[in-house]
């Protein structure tokens, strides 16, 4: 699985793919991240990269003892399907 990294200068988590960078934008409020939007390169949609991005992002959030507010519909659906991440939702 490709590595997910935080890019705080651009307020987004990023994951390199063969077709470009997948990302999830956020706005920080203390130790809470409001996840605004996630996106994968259009040519790679439907391959599970969005799920890999979100899982990696949530693992980073968990490792830093932070919380999220999932404003992005894709992230909300991912958490609904993977309730082991529900504890990260504020």
C-alpha atoms as a PDB file:
ATOM      1  CA  UNK A   1       0.000   0.000   0.000  1.00  0.00           C
ATOM      2  CA  UNK A   2       1.406   3.425  -0.908  1.00  0.00           C
ATOM      3  CA  UNK A   3       2.478   5.627   1.996  1.00  0.00           C
ATOM      4  CA  UNK A   4       0.222   8.487   3.066  1.00  0.00           C
ATOM      5  CA  UNK A   5       1.917  11.644   4.297  1.00  0.00           C
ATOM      6  CA  UNK A   6       0.704  14.852   5.855  1.00  0.00           C
ATOM      7  CA  UNK A   7       1.584  17.996   3.934  1.00  0.00           C
ATOM      8  CA  UNK A   8       0.731  20.725   6.465  1.00  0.00           C
ATOM      9  CA  UNK A   9       1.909  23.521   4.139  1.00  0.00           C
ATOM     10  CA  UNK A  10      -0.963  22.608   1.792  1.00  0.00           C
ATOM     11  CA  UNK A  11      -3.379  21.400   4.521  1.00  0.00           C
ATOM     12  CA  UNK A  12      -3.739  17.963   2.998  1.00  0.00           C
ATOM     13  CA  UNK A  13      -2.773  14.336   3.272  1.00  0.00           C
ATOM     14  CA  UNK A  14      -1.151  12.982   0.122  1.00  0.00           C
ATOM     15  CA  UNK A  15      -0.461   9.619  -1.472  1.00  0.00           C
ATOM     16  CA  UNK A  16       1.614   9.167  -4.631  1.00  0.00           C
ATOM     17  CA  UNK A  17      -0.001   7.041  -7.341  1.00  0.00           C
ATOM     18  CA  UNK A  18       1.054   6.030 -10.841  1.00  0.00           C
ATOM     19  CA  UNK A  19      -1.214   8.751 -12.233  1.00  0.00           C
ATOM     20  CA  UNK A  20      -0.455  11.626  -9.866  1.00  0.00           C
ATOM     21  CA  UNK A  21      -1.153  12.517  -6.264  1.00  0.00           C
ATOM     22  CA  UNK A  22      -4.291  11.475  -4.398  1.00  0.00           C
ATOM     23  CA  UNK A  23      -5.123  13.852  -1.560  1.00  0.00           C
ATOM     24  CA  UNK A  24      -7.516  14.723   1.232  1.00  0.00           C
ATOM     25  CA  UNK A  25      -7.790  18.413   2.166  1.00  0.00           C
ATOM     26  CA  UNK A  26      -8.362  19.438   5.755  1.00  0.00           C
ATOM     27  CA  UNK A  27      -8.709  22.452   8.025  1.00  0.00           C
ATOM     28  CA  UNK A  28      -7.098  22.197  11.451  1.00  0.00           C
ATOM     29  CA  UNK A  29      -8.708  23.347  14.694  1.00  0.00           C
ATOM     30  CA  UNK A  30      -6.336  22.391  17.501  1.00  0.00           C
ATOM     31  CA  UNK A  31      -6.160  18.593  17.581  1.00  0.00           C
ATOM     32  CA  UNK A  32      -9.187  18.214  15.302  1.00  0.00           C
ATOM     33  CA  UNK A  33      -9.013  18.004  11.522  1.00  0.00           C
ATOM     34  CA  UNK A  34     -12.057  18.881   9.463  1.00  0.00           C
ATOM     35  CA  UNK A  35     -11.721  16.687   6.377  1.00  0.00           C
ATOM     36  CA  UNK A  36     -13.111  18.811   3.565  1.00  0.00           C
ATOM     37  CA  UNK A  37     -12.536  16.901   0.337  1.00  0.00           C
ATOM     38  CA  UNK A  38     -10.728  13.843  -0.983  1.00  0.00           C
ATOM     39  CA  UNK A  39      -9.675  13.186  -4.552  1.00  0.00           C
ATOM     40  CA  UNK A  40      -7.796  10.630  -6.636  1.00  0.00           C
ATOM     41  CA  UNK A  41      -6.585  11.179 -10.201  1.00  0.00           C
ATOM     42  CA  UNK A  42      -9.640  10.731 -12.445  1.00  0.00           C
ATOM     43  CA  UNK A  43      -7.997   8.033 -14.578  1.00  0.00           C
ATOM     44  CA  UNK A  44      -7.489   5.893 -11.451  1.00  0.00           C
ATOM     45  CA  UNK A  45     -10.958   6.170  -9.919  1.00  0.00           C
ATOM     46  CA  UNK A  46     -12.592   2.882  -8.935  1.00  0.00           C
ATOM     47  CA  UNK A  47      -9.346   1.080  -8.069  1.00  0.00           C
ATOM     48  CA  UNK A  48      -9.566   1.448  -4.306  1.00  0.00           C
ATOM     49  CA  UNK A  49      -6.994   4.212  -4.055  1.00  0.00           C
ATOM     50  CA  UNK A  50      -9.419   6.529  -2.274  1.00  0.00           C
ATOM     51  CA  UNK A  51      -9.948   3.898   0.404  1.00  0.00           C
ATOM     52  CA  UNK A  52      -6.185   3.407   0.740  1.00  0.00           C
ATOM     53  CA  UNK A  53      -5.745   7.159   1.094  1.00  0.00           C
ATOM     54  CA  UNK A  54      -8.435   7.476   3.750  1.00  0.00           C
ATOM     55  CA  UNK A  55      -7.221   4.443   5.732  1.00  0.00           C
ATOM     56  CA  UNK A  56      -3.663   5.789   5.710  1.00  0.00           C
ATOM     57  CA  UNK A  57      -4.850   9.255   6.703  1.00  0.00           C
ATOM     58  CA  UNK A  58      -6.906   7.871   9.591  1.00  0.00           C
ATOM     59  CA  UNK A  59      -3.956   5.782  10.763  1.00  0.00           C
ATOM     60  CA  UNK A  60      -1.818   8.952  10.879  1.00  0.00           C
ATOM     61  CA  UNK A  61      -4.574  10.807  12.747  1.00  0.00           C
ATOM     62  CA  UNK A  62      -4.833   7.956  15.265  1.00  0.00           C
ATOM     63  CA  UNK A  63      -1.058   7.848  15.779  1.00  0.00           C
ATOM     64  CA  UNK A  64      -1.119  11.556  16.701  1.00  0.00           C
ATOM     65  CA  UNK A  65      -4.114  11.195  19.058  1.00  0.00           C
ATOM     66  CA  UNK A  66      -6.166  13.595  16.960  1.00  0.00           C
ATOM     67  CA  UNK A  67      -9.831  13.566  15.928  1.00  0.00           C
ATOM     68  CA  UNK A  68     -11.624  14.320  12.685  1.00  0.00           C
ATOM     69  CA  UNK A  69     -14.860  15.890  11.540  1.00  0.00           C
ATOM     70  CA  UNK A  70     -15.602  14.111   8.230  1.00  0.00           C
ATOM     71  CA  UNK A  71     -17.224  16.776   6.060  1.00  0.00           C
ATOM     72  CA  UNK A  72     -16.208  14.830   2.937  1.00  0.00           C
ATOM     73  CA  UNK A  73     -18.909  12.352   1.916  1.00  0.00           C
ATOM     74  CA  UNK A  74     -16.385   9.735   0.794  1.00  0.00           C
ATOM     75  CA  UNK A  75     -14.648   9.810   4.186  1.00  0.00           C
ATOM     76  CA  UNK A  76     -18.016   9.543   5.989  1.00  0.00           C
ATOM     77  CA  UNK A  77     -18.963   6.489   3.897  1.00  0.00           C
ATOM     78  CA  UNK A  78     -15.555   4.901   4.467  1.00  0.00           C
ATOM     79  CA  UNK A  79     -15.909   5.227   8.242  1.00  0.00           C
ATOM     80  CA  UNK A  80     -19.468   3.852   8.112  1.00  0.00           C
ATOM     81  CA  UNK A  81     -18.085   0.767   6.336  1.00  0.00           C
ATOM     82  CA  UNK A  82     -15.053   0.526   8.664  1.00  0.00           C
ATOM     83  CA  UNK A  83     -16.407   1.179  12.176  1.00  0.00           C
ATOM     84  CA  UNK A  84     -12.995   0.469  13.722  1.00  0.00           C
ATOM     85  CA  UNK A  85     -12.218   4.099  12.777  1.00  0.00           C
ATOM     86  CA  UNK A  86     -15.403   5.539  14.338  1.00  0.00           C
ATOM     87  CA  UNK A  87     -13.558   6.455  17.542  1.00  0.00           C
ATOM     88  CA  UNK A  88     -11.665   9.120  15.581  1.00  0.00           C
ATOM     89  CA  UNK A  89     -14.828  11.046  14.749  1.00  0.00           C
ATOM     90  CA  UNK A  90     -15.538  14.032  16.954  1.00  0.00           C
END
